[in-house]
Protein backbone atom coordinates (compact mmCIF):
# COMPACT_ATOMS: atom_id res chain seq x y z
CA MET A 1 71.76 76.00 56.15
CA LYS A 2 73.93 72.90 55.88
CA ALA A 3 74.87 70.94 58.97
CA SER A 4 78.50 71.39 59.92
CA PHE A 5 80.85 68.87 61.51
CA VAL A 6 84.42 68.91 62.78
CA ILE A 7 86.72 65.95 62.32
CA TYR A 8 89.70 65.77 64.66
CA THR A 9 92.75 64.40 62.87
CA LYS A 10 96.52 64.53 62.82
CA PRO A 11 99.15 64.21 60.09
CA ASN A 12 100.05 60.76 58.74
CA CYS A 13 96.92 59.16 60.19
CA CYS A 14 95.60 56.44 57.88
CA LEU A 15 92.28 56.17 59.72
CA CYS A 16 91.85 59.93 59.37
CA LEU A 17 92.33 59.76 55.61
CA GLU A 18 89.80 56.93 55.45
CA ALA A 19 87.28 58.88 57.55
CA LYS A 20 87.54 61.92 55.25
CA LYS A 21 86.86 59.67 52.25
CA VAL A 22 83.83 58.25 54.09
CA LEU A 23 82.53 61.77 54.74
CA ARG A 24 83.00 62.81 51.11
CA LYS A 25 81.06 59.71 50.03
CA ALA A 26 78.27 60.56 52.53
CA GLN A 27 78.07 64.04 50.98
CA GLU A 28 76.74 62.34 47.85
CA SER A 29 73.63 61.38 49.87
CA VAL A 30 73.10 64.21 52.37
CA ALA A 31 74.08 67.90 52.48
CA PHE A 32 76.64 68.83 55.13
CA GLU A 33 80.03 70.41 55.51
CA PHE A 34 83.00 69.33 57.54
CA VAL A 35 86.21 70.97 58.62
CA GLU A 36 89.37 69.24 59.72
CA GLN A 37 91.09 70.16 62.96
CA ASP A 38 94.61 68.92 63.66
CA ILE A 39 94.82 67.84 67.31
CA LEU A 40 98.57 68.55 67.31
CA ALA A 41 97.74 72.26 67.01
CA ASP A 42 95.71 72.19 70.25
CA TRP A 43 97.31 70.75 73.39
CA GLU A 44 93.97 70.10 75.12
CA LEU A 45 92.59 68.20 72.12
CA TYR A 46 95.80 66.23 71.88
CA GLN A 47 95.61 65.28 75.56
CA GLN A 48 91.98 64.24 75.17
CA TYR A 49 92.25 62.18 71.97
CA LYS A 50 95.94 61.29 71.36
CA GLU A 51 95.67 57.98 69.45
CA ALA A 52 91.85 57.76 69.50
CA ILE A 53 91.33 59.58 66.22
CA PRO A 54 89.66 60.37 63.97
CA VAL A 55 86.80 61.79 66.00
CA LEU A 56 83.76 63.30 64.30
CA MET A 57 81.96 66.00 66.25
CA ASN A 58 78.52 67.51 65.68
CA GLY A 59 78.79 70.62 67.81
CA LYS A 60 79.84 69.32 71.23
CA GLU A 61 78.46 65.83 70.59
CA GLU A 62 80.84 63.09 69.57
CA TRP A 63 79.27 61.14 66.72
CA PHE A 64 82.01 58.69 65.78
CA ARG A 65 85.48 57.69 66.87
CA LEU A 66 88.04 55.70 64.86
CA ARG A 67 86.13 53.83 62.13
CA PHE A 68 82.68 54.45 60.66
CA SER A 69 81.01 53.95 57.31
CA SER A 70 79.18 56.39 55.08
CA ALA A 71 76.00 54.34 55.61
CA GLU A 72 76.35 54.66 59.40
CA PHE A 73 76.89 58.40 59.07
CA VAL A 74 73.91 58.92 56.75
CA LYS A 75 71.64 56.85 59.02
CA LYS A 76 72.63 58.86 62.11
CA PHE A 77 72.42 62.14 60.15
CA LYS A 78 68.86 61.42 59.03
CA ALA A 79 67.79 60.15 62.47
CA ALA A 80 69.11 63.38 64.04
CA GLY A 81 67.11 65.46 61.56
CA CYS A 82 70.15 67.40 60.45
């Protein structure tokens, strides 16, 4: 079973687009899936994150916020034994 992540985003977010590219690049090295969740569709998420996106979640654990690289993701992924 592949590990699964959620990335909190919103429309017209340049950092969010960059983060999704980073995740797709990381998928070349390790097997995982990710789904995008628009914080504007969930008032509680919007109140929690507003401008502090993207946020990458592994279950209930926040892995990254704003900027991260594919190398950082892969390192953390392997260290977590995903």
